[in-house]
């Protein structure tokens, strides 16, 4: 399950594990590796090639639109149909 809204920390930014794909039109898309990303849950790190930077906020953070990503691996290429299946 890929969360659409994340709870943001009030004081500090958070780094949410994600997988970054390059679509045929050369745009980049990031997909969460899952909502359970506690530090002891390393399974969500296995498929991650980036961290979405979630800014500090008093509310929630919508997982749509643009955000900064810290890449930790190669960006994966994917077809339009494959991207639709993931999103």
PDB file of N, CA and C in Angstrom:
ATOM      1  N   UNK A   1       0.849  -1.190   0.000  1.00  0.00           N
ATOM      2  CA  UNK A   1       0.000   0.000   0.000  1.00  0.00           C
ATOM      3  C   UNK A   1       0.884   1.241   0.000  1.00  0.00           C
ATOM      4  N   UNK A   2       0.575   2.171  -0.877  1.00  0.00           N
ATOM      5  CA  UNK A   2       1.346   3.401  -0.982  1.00  0.00           C
ATOM      6  C   UNK A   2       0.535   4.546  -0.373  1.00  0.00           C
ATOM      7  N   UNK A   3       1.042   5.152   0.675  1.00  0.00           N
ATOM      8  CA  UNK A   3       0.269   6.229   1.319  1.00  0.00           C
ATOM      9  C   UNK A   3       0.115   7.435   0.396  1.00  0.00           C
ATOM     10  N   UNK A   4      -1.029   8.087   0.459  1.00  0.00           N
ATOM     11  CA  UNK A   4      -1.292   9.301  -0.318  1.00  0.00           C
ATOM     12  C   UNK A   4      -1.057  10.545   0.520  1.00  0.00           C
ATOM     13  N   UNK A   5      -1.150  10.397   1.844  1.00  0.00           N
ATOM     14  CA  UNK A   5      -0.930  11.506   2.769  1.00  0.00           C
ATOM     15  C   UNK A   5      -0.064  10.985   3.916  1.00  0.00           C
ATOM     16  N   UNK A   6       0.953  11.753   4.271  1.00  0.00           N
ATOM     17  CA  UNK A   6       1.836  11.370   5.372  1.00  0.00           C
ATOM     18  C   UNK A   6       1.687  12.361   6.511  1.00  0.00           C
ATOM     19  N   UNK A   7       1.806  11.868   7.730  1.00  0.00           N
ATOM     20  CA  UNK A   7       1.820  12.748   8.894  1.00  0.00           C
ATOM     21  C   UNK A   7       3.204  13.378   8.976  1.00  0.00           C
ATOM     22  N   UNK A   8       3.246  14.685   9.036  1.00  0.00           N
ATOM     23  CA  UNK A   8       4.524  15.394   9.084  1.00  0.00           C
ATOM     24  C   UNK A   8       4.908  15.704  10.529  1.00  0.00           C
ATOM     25  N   UNK A   9       6.185  15.649  10.819  1.00  0.00           N
ATOM     26  CA  UNK A   9       6.691  16.018  12.142  1.00  0.00           C
ATOM     27  C   UNK A   9       6.604  17.542  12.280  1.00  0.00           C
ATOM     28  N   UNK A  10       6.263  18.014  13.453  1.00  0.00           N
ATOM     29  CA  UNK A  10       6.090  19.450  13.672  1.00  0.00           C
ATOM     30  C   UNK A  10       7.406  20.219  13.711  1.00  0.00           C
ATOM     31  N   UNK A  11       8.506  19.542  14.053  1.00  0.00           N
ATOM     32  CA  UNK A  11       9.758  20.247  14.295  1.00  0.00           C
ATOM     33  C   UNK A  11      10.821  19.987  13.229  1.00  0.00           C
ATOM     34  N   UNK A  12      10.918  18.777  12.768  1.00  0.00           N
ATOM     35  CA  UNK A  12      12.031  18.455  11.871  1.00  0.00           C
ATOM     36  C   UNK A  12      11.541  17.805  10.580  1.00  0.00           C
ATOM     37  N   UNK A  13      12.321  17.936   9.505  1.00  0.00           N
ATOM     38  CA  UNK A  13      11.946  17.240   8.271  1.00  0.00           C
ATOM     39  C   UNK A  13      12.116  15.733   8.430  1.00  0.00           C
ATOM     40  N   UNK A  14      11.387  14.987   7.635  1.00  0.00           N
ATOM     41  CA  UNK A  14      11.498  13.532   7.659  1.00  0.00           C
ATOM     42  C   UNK A  14      11.940  13.051   6.290  1.00  0.00           C
ATOM     43  N   UNK A  15      12.530  11.885   6.258  1.00  0.00           N
ATOM     44  CA  UNK A  15      13.015  11.285   5.017  1.00  0.00           C
ATOM     45  C   UNK A  15      12.259   9.980   4.806  1.00  0.00           C
ATOM     46  N   UNK A  16      11.381   9.967   3.805  1.00  0.00           N
ATOM     47  CA  UNK A  16      10.490   8.843   3.551  1.00  0.00           C
ATOM     48  C   UNK A  16      11.061   7.995   2.410  1.00  0.00           C
ATOM     49  N   UNK A  17      11.271   6.706   2.655  1.00  0.00           N
ATOM     50  CA  UNK A  17      11.855   5.829   1.642  1.00  0.00           C
ATOM     51  C   UNK A  17      10.926   5.709   0.433  1.00  0.00           C
ATOM     52  N   UNK A  18      11.530   5.787  -0.746  1.00  0.00           N
ATOM     53  CA  UNK A  18      10.734   5.696  -1.964  1.00  0.00           C
ATOM     54  C   UNK A  18      11.557   5.051  -3.080  1.00  0.00           C
ATOM     55  N   UNK A  19      10.853   4.652  -4.132  1.00  0.00           N
ATOM     56  CA  UNK A  19      11.492   4.152  -5.345  1.00  0.00           C
ATOM     57  C   UNK A  19      11.233   5.185  -6.434  1.00  0.00           C
ATOM     58  N   UNK A  20      12.294   5.614  -7.103  1.00  0.00           N
ATOM     59  CA  UNK A  20      12.195   6.658  -8.125  1.00  0.00           C
ATOM     60  C   UNK A  20      12.310   6.014  -9.503  1.00  0.00           C
ATOM     61  N   UNK A  21      11.342   6.346 -10.370  1.00  0.00           N
ATOM     62  CA  UNK A  21      11.285   5.819 -11.728  1.00  0.00           C
ATOM     63  C   UNK A  21      11.366   6.959 -12.734  1.00  0.00           C
ATOM     64  N   UNK A  22      11.962   6.673 -13.916  1.00  0.00           N
ATOM     65  CA  UNK A  22      11.967   7.618 -15.030  1.00  0.00           C
ATOM     66  C   UNK A  22      10.980   7.093 -16.067  1.00  0.00           C
ATOM     67  N   UNK A  23       9.986   7.919 -16.389  1.00  0.00           N
ATOM     68  CA  UNK A  23       8.980   7.565 -17.387  1.00  0.00           C
ATOM     69  C   UNK A  23       9.538   7.822 -18.789  1.00  0.00           C
ATOM     70  N   UNK A  24       8.893   7.273 -19.827  1.00  0.00           N
ATOM     71  CA  UNK A  24       9.358   7.491 -21.199  1.00  0.00           C
ATOM     72  C   UNK A  24       9.442   8.969 -21.597  1.00  0.00           C
ATOM     73  N   UNK A  25       8.623   9.830 -20.974  1.00  0.00           N
ATOM     74  CA  UNK A  25       8.678  11.263 -21.293  1.00  0.00           C
ATOM     75  C   UNK A  25       9.778  11.981 -20.498  1.00  0.00           C
ATOM     76  N   UNK A  26      10.629  11.205 -19.810  1.00  0.00           N
ATOM     77  CA  UNK A  26      11.792  11.693 -19.060  1.00  0.00           C
ATOM     78  C   UNK A  26      11.442  12.362 -17.730  1.00  0.00           C
ATOM     79  N   UNK A  27      10.191  12.286 -17.292  1.00  0.00           N
ATOM     80  CA  UNK A  27       9.824  12.811 -15.978  1.00  0.00           C
ATOM     81  C   UNK A  27      10.142  11.762 -14.915  1.00  0.00           C
ATOM     82  N   UNK A  28      10.426  12.236 -13.716  1.00  0.00           N
ATOM     83  CA  UNK A  28      10.716  11.331 -12.600  1.00  0.00           C
ATOM     84  C   UNK A  28       9.488  11.206 -11.708  1.00  0.00           C
ATOM     85  N   UNK A  29       9.236  10.007 -11.225  1.00  0.00           N
ATOM     86  CA  UNK A  29       8.111   9.725 -10.342  1.00  0.00           C
ATOM     87  C   UNK A  29       8.627   8.933  -9.153  1.00  0.00           C
ATOM     88  N   UNK A  30       8.212   9.322  -7.966  1.00  0.00           N
ATOM     89  CA  UNK A  30       8.614   8.621  -6.747  1.00  0.00           C
ATOM     90  C   UNK A  30       7.397   7.928  -6.148  1.00  0.00           C
ATOM     91  N   UNK A  31       7.596   6.680  -5.747  1.00  0.00           N
ATOM     92  CA  UNK A  31       6.530   5.885  -5.142  1.00  0.00           C
ATOM     93  C   UNK A  31       7.029   5.392  -3.786  1.00  0.00           C
ATOM     94  N   UNK A  32       6.229   5.600  -2.757  1.00  0.00           N
ATOM     95  CA  UNK A  32       6.587   5.164  -1.407  1.00  0.00           C
ATOM     96  C   UNK A  32       6.806   3.663  -1.360  1.00  0.00           C
ATOM     97  N   UNK A  33       7.741   3.232  -0.526  1.00  0.00           N
ATOM     98  CA  UNK A  33       7.944   1.799  -0.324  1.00  0.00           C
ATOM     99  C   UNK A  33       6.974   1.232   0.708  1.00  0.00           C
ATOM    100  N   UNK A  34       6.104   2.069   1.252  1.00  0.00           N
ATOM    101  CA  UNK A  34       5.098   1.611   2.209  1.00  0.00           C
ATOM    102  C   UNK A  34       4.960   2.548   3.377  1.00  0.00           C
ATOM    103  N   UNK A  35       3.888   2.402   4.112  1.00  0.00           N
ATOM    104  CA  UNK A  35       3.609   3.333   5.201  1.00  0.00           C
ATOM    105  C   UNK A  35       4.334   2.975   6.494  1.00  0.00           C
ATOM    106  N   UNK A  36       4.756   1.715   6.669  1.00  0.00           N
ATOM    107  CA  UNK A  36       5.452   1.309   7.891  1.00  0.00           C
ATOM    108  C   UNK A  36       6.954   1.469   7.672  1.00  0.00           C
ATOM    109  N   UNK A  37       7.489   2.626   8.023  1.00  0.00           N
ATOM    110  CA  UNK A  37       8.895   2.911   7.778  1.00  0.00           C
ATOM    111  C   UNK A  37       9.669   3.193   9.061  1.00  0.00           C
ATOM    112  N   UNK A  38       9.325   2.493  10.125  1.00  0.00           N
ATOM    113  CA  UNK A  38      10.084   2.651  11.364  1.00  0.00           C
ATOM    114  C   UNK A  38      11.519   2.200  11.120  1.00  0.00           C
ATOM    115  N   UNK A  39      12.439   2.691  11.939  1.00  0.00           N
ATOM    116  CA  UNK A  39      13.859   2.395  11.715  1.00  0.00           C
ATOM    117  C   UNK A  39      14.167   0.904  11.798  1.00  0.00           C
ATOM    118  N   UNK A  40      13.360   0.144  12.510  1.00  0.00           N
ATOM    119  CA  UNK A  40      13.604  -1.292  12.625  1.00  0.00           C
ATOM    120  C   UNK A  40      13.011  -2.073  11.452  1.00  0.00           C
ATOM    121  N   UNK A  41      12.283  -1.411  10.592  1.00  0.00           N
ATOM    122  CA  UNK A  41      11.613  -2.066   9.456  1.00  0.00           C
ATOM    123  C   UNK A  41      12.461  -1.902   8.201  1.00  0.00           C
ATOM    124  N   UNK A  42      13.451  -2.752   8.023  1.00  0.00           N
ATOM    125  CA  UNK A  42      14.390  -2.613   6.919  1.00  0.00           C
ATOM    126  C   UNK A  42      13.850  -3.114   5.589  1.00  0.00           C
ATOM    127  N   UNK A  43      12.733  -3.838   5.598  1.00  0.00           N
ATOM    128  CA  UNK A  43      12.179  -4.337   4.345  1.00  0.00           C
ATOM    129  C   UNK A  43      11.842  -3.196   3.390  1.00  0.00           C
ATOM    130  N   UNK A  44      11.415  -2.041   3.934  1.00  0.00           N
ATOM    131  CA  UNK A  44      11.075  -0.912   3.064  1.00  0.00           C
ATOM    132  C   UNK A  44      12.319  -0.269   2.452  1.00  0.00           C
ATOM    133  N   UNK A  45      13.495  -0.621   2.940  1.00  0.00           N
ATOM    134  CA  UNK A  45      14.743  -0.090   2.386  1.00  0.00           C
ATOM    135  C   UNK A  45      15.203  -0.918   1.192  1.00  0.00           C
ATOM    136  N   UNK A  46      14.794  -2.163   1.126  1.00  0.00           N
ATOM    137  CA  UNK A  46      15.256  -3.085   0.091  1.00  0.00           C
ATOM    138  C   UNK A  46      15.006  -2.556  -1.319  1.00  0.00           C
ATOM    139  N   UNK A  47      13.842  -2.009  -1.585  1.00  0.00           N
ATOM    140  CA  UNK A  47      13.517  -1.533  -2.935  1.00  0.00           C
ATOM    141  C   UNK A  47      13.693  -0.022  -3.087  1.00  0.00           C
ATOM    142  N   UNK A  48      14.132   0.663  -2.049  1.00  0.00           N
ATOM    143  CA  UNK A  48      14.270   2.121  -2.108  1.00  0.00           C
ATOM    144  C   UNK A  48      15.532   2.528  -2.868  1.00  0.00           C
ATOM    145  N   UNK A  49      15.400   3.560  -3.681  1.00  0.00           N
ATOM    146  CA  UNK A  49      16.567   4.165  -4.310  1.00  0.00           C
ATOM    147  C   UNK A  49      16.585   5.671  -4.052  1.00  0.00           C
ATOM    148  N   UNK A  50      15.733   6.086  -3.101  1.00  0.00           N
ATOM    149  CA  UNK A  50      15.698   7.498  -2.749  1.00  0.00           C
ATOM    150  C   UNK A  50      14.934   7.751  -1.460  1.00  0.00           C
ATOM    151  N   UNK A  51      15.097   8.966  -0.963  1.00  0.00           N
ATOM    152  CA  UNK A  51      14.346   9.436   0.198  1.00  0.00           C
ATOM    153  C   UNK A  51      13.600  10.699  -0.208  1.00  0.00           C
ATOM    154  N   UNK A  52      12.279  10.699  -0.054  1.00  0.00           N
ATOM    155  CA  UNK A  52      11.491  11.911  -0.267  1.00  0.00           C
ATOM    156  C   UNK A  52      11.635  12.765   0.983  1.00  0.00           C
ATOM    157  N   UNK A  53      11.964  14.021   0.788  1.00  0.00           N
ATOM    158  CA  UNK A  53      12.162  14.918   1.930  1.00  0.00           C
ATOM    159  C   UNK A  53      10.821  15.566   2.264  1.00  0.00           C
ATOM    160  N   UNK A  54      10.282  15.210   3.433  1.00  0.00           N
ATOM    161  CA  UNK A  54       8.990  15.718   3.892  1.00  0.00           C
ATOM    162  C   UNK A  54       9.268  16.869   4.861  1.00  0.00           C
ATOM    163  N   UNK A  55       8.912  18.103   4.492  1.00  0.00           N
ATOM    164  CA  UNK A  55       9.233  19.237   5.366  1.00  0.00           C
ATOM    165  C   UNK A  55       8.440  19.215   6.664  1.00  0.00           C
ATOM    166  N   UNK A  56       8.986  19.837   7.695  1.00  0.00           N
ATOM    167  CA  UNK A  56       8.282  19.953   8.976  1.00  0.00           C
ATOM    168  C   UNK A  56       6.991  20.732   8.760  1.00  0.00           C
ATOM    169  N   UNK A  57       5.938  20.307   9.462  1.00  0.00           N
ATOM    170  CA  UNK A  57       4.631  20.934   9.284  1.00  0.00           C
ATOM    171  C   UNK A  57       3.743  20.586  10.474  1.00  0.00           C
ATOM    172  N   UNK A  58       2.764  21.424  10.739  1.00  0.00           N
ATOM    173  CA  UNK A  58       1.803  21.148  11.813  1.00  0.00           C
ATOM    174  C   UNK A  58       0.720  20.166  11.389  1.00  0.00           C
ATOM    175  N   UNK A  59       0.715  19.790  10.125  1.00  0.00           N
ATOM    176  CA  UNK A  59      -0.358  18.920   9.652  1.00  0.00           C
ATOM    177  C   UNK A  59       0.155  17.709   8.912  1.00  0.00           C
ATOM    178  N   UNK A  60      -0.404  17.507   7.750  1.00  0.00           N
ATOM    179  CA  UNK A  60      -0.042  16.351   6.952  1.00  0.00           C
ATOM    180  C   UNK A  60       0.609  16.814   5.652  1.00  0.00           C
ATOM    181  N   UNK A  61       1.232  15.890   4.957  1.00  0.00           N
ATOM    182  CA  UNK A  61       1.920  16.182   3.711  1.00  0.00           C
ATOM    183  C   UNK A  61       1.295  15.339   2.617  1.00  0.00           C
ATOM    184  N   UNK A  62       0.797  15.977   1.571  1.00  0.00           N
ATOM    185  CA  UNK A  62       0.178  15.272   0.458  1.00  0.00           C
ATOM    186  C   UNK A  62       1.245  14.696  -0.459  1.00  0.00           C
ATOM    187  N   UNK A  63       1.094  13.440  -0.800  1.00  0.00           N
ATOM    188  CA  UNK A  63       2.071  12.755  -1.651  1.00  0.00           C
ATOM    189  C   UNK A  63       1.712  12.896  -3.121  1.00  0.00           C
ATOM    190  N   UNK A  64       1.535  14.113  -3.555  1.00  0.00           N
ATOM    191  CA  UNK A  64       1.288  14.383  -4.971  1.00  0.00           C
ATOM    192  C   UNK A  64       1.974  15.699  -5.315  1.00  0.00           C
ATOM    193  N   UNK A  65       2.270  15.881  -6.562  1.00  0.00           N
ATOM    194  CA  UNK A  65       2.974  17.097  -6.962  1.00  0.00           C
ATOM    195  C   UNK A  65       4.474  16.905  -6.880  1.00  0.00           C
ATOM    196  N   UNK A  66       5.195  17.968  -6.616  1.00  0.00           N
ATOM    197  CA  UNK A  66       6.647  17.911  -6.612  1.00  0.00           C
ATOM    198  C   UNK A  66       7.200  17.944  -5.195  1.00  0.00           C
ATOM    199  N   UNK A  67       8.299  17.235  -5.003  1.00  0.00           N
ATOM    200  CA  UNK A  67       9.008  17.246  -3.733  1.00  0.00           C
ATOM    201  C   UNK A  67      10.480  16.978  -3.997  1.00  0.00           C
ATOM    202  N   UNK A  68      11.311  17.334  -3.054  1.00  0.00           N
ATOM    203  CA  UNK A  68      12.744  17.076  -3.178  1.00  0.00           C
ATOM    204  C   UNK A  68      13.021  15.612  -2.845  1.00  0.00           C
ATOM    205  N   UNK A  69      13.922  15.007  -3.588  1.00  0.00           N
ATOM    206  CA  UNK A  69      14.306  13.609  -3.388  1.00  0.00           C
ATOM    207  C   UNK A  69      15.814  13.537  -3.223  1.00  0.00           C
ATOM    208  N   UNK A  70      16.264  12.777  -2.249  1.00  0.00           N
ATOM    209  CA  UNK A  70      17.670  12.483  -2.068  1.00  0.00           C
ATOM    210  C   UNK A  70      17.897  11.086  -2.643  1.00  0.00           C
ATOM    211  N   UNK A  71      18.584  11.010  -3.793  1.00  0.00           N
ATOM    212  CA  UNK A  71      18.804   9.719  -4.441  1.00  0.00           C
ATOM    213  C   UNK A  71      19.913   8.945  -3.751  1.00  0.00           C
ATOM    214  N   UNK A  72      19.689   7.641  -3.567  1.00  0.00           N
ATOM    215  CA  UNK A  72      20.700   6.770  -2.966  1.00  0.00           C
ATOM    216  C   UNK A  72      21.014   5.587  -3.882  1.00  0.00           C
ATOM    217  N   UNK A  73      20.491   5.626  -5.100  1.00  0.00           N
ATOM    218  CA  UNK A  73      20.722   4.538  -6.055  1.00  0.00           C
ATOM    219  C   UNK A  73      20.353   4.988  -7.449  1.00  0.00           C
ATOM    220  N   UNK A  74      20.488   4.090  -8.398  1.00  0.00           N
ATOM    221  CA  UNK A  74      20.170   4.394  -9.792  1.00  0.00           C
ATOM    222  C   UNK A  74      18.669   4.576  -9.973  1.00  0.00           C
ATOM    223  N   UNK A  75      18.296   5.512 -10.855  1.00  0.00           N
ATOM    224  CA  UNK A  75      16.897   5.730 -11.204  1.00  0.00           C
ATOM    225  C   UNK A  75      16.486   4.635 -12.185  1.00  0.00           C
ATOM    226  N   UNK A  76      15.334   4.032 -11.964  1.00  0.00           N
ATOM    227  CA  UNK A  76      14.844   2.938 -12.788  1.00  0.00           C
ATOM    228  C   UNK A  76      14.017   3.479 -13.948  1.00  0.00           C
ATOM    229  N   UNK A  77      14.198   2.936 -15.148  1.00  0.00           N
ATOM    230  CA  UNK A  77      13.368   3.304 -16.291  1.00  0.00           C
ATOM    231  C   UNK A  77      12.152   2.396 -16.309  1.00  0.00           C
ATOM    232  N   UNK A  78      11.016   2.958 -16.727  1.00  0.00           N
ATOM    233  CA  UNK A  78       9.778   2.179 -16.728  1.00  0.00           C
ATOM    234  C   UNK A  78       8.887   2.664 -17.864  1.00  0.00           C
ATOM    235  N   UNK A  79       8.066   1.777 -18.398  1.00  0.00           N
ATOM    236  CA  UNK A  79       7.128   2.137 -19.444  1.00  0.00           C
ATOM    237  C   UNK A  79       5.943   2.898 -18.859  1.00  0.00           C
ATOM    238  N   UNK A  80       5.192   3.572 -19.726  1.00  0.00           N
ATOM    239  CA  UNK A  80       3.988   4.274 -19.256  1.00  0.00           C
ATOM    240  C   UNK A  80       3.019   3.324 -18.576  1.00  0.00           C
ATOM    241  N   UNK A  81       2.816   2.139 -19.159  1.00  0.00           N
ATOM    242  CA  UNK A  81       1.886   1.167 -18.579  1.00  0.00           C
ATOM    243  C   UNK A  81       2.399   0.684 -17.227  1.00  0.00           C
ATOM    244  N   UNK A  82       3.687   0.421 -17.128  1.00  0.00           N
ATOM    245  CA  UNK A  82       4.263  -0.016 -15.857  1.00  0.00           C
ATOM    246  C   UNK A  82       4.090   1.023 -14.770  1.00  0.00           C
ATOM    247  N   UNK A  83       4.241   2.296 -15.123  1.00  0.00           N
ATOM    248  CA  UNK A  83       4.076   3.376 -14.152  1.00  0.00           C
ATOM    249  C   UNK A  83       2.619   3.462 -13.694  1.00  0.00           C
ATOM    250  N   UNK A  84       1.671   3.293 -14.618  1.00  0.00           N
ATOM    251  CA  UNK A  84       0.253   3.304 -14.261  1.00  0.00           C
ATOM    252  C   UNK A  84      -0.073   2.170 -13.301  1.00  0.00           C
ATOM    253  N   UNK A  85       0.547   1.016 -13.500  1.00  0.00           N
ATOM    254  CA  UNK A  85       0.317  -0.131 -12.611  1.00  0.00           C
ATOM    255  C   UNK A  85       0.820   0.130 -11.197  1.00  0.00           C
ATOM    256  N   UNK A  86       1.936   0.861 -11.078  1.00  0.00           N
ATOM    257  CA  UNK A  86       2.527   1.147  -9.778  1.00  0.00           C
ATOM    258  C   UNK A  86       1.748   2.226  -9.035  1.00  0.00           C
ATOM    259  N   UNK A  87       1.381   3.276  -9.761  1.00  0.00           N
ATOM    260  CA  UNK A  87       0.686   4.397  -9.120  1.00  0.00           C
ATOM    261  C   UNK A  87      -0.740   4.019  -8.835  1.00  0.00           C
TER     262      UNK A  87
END
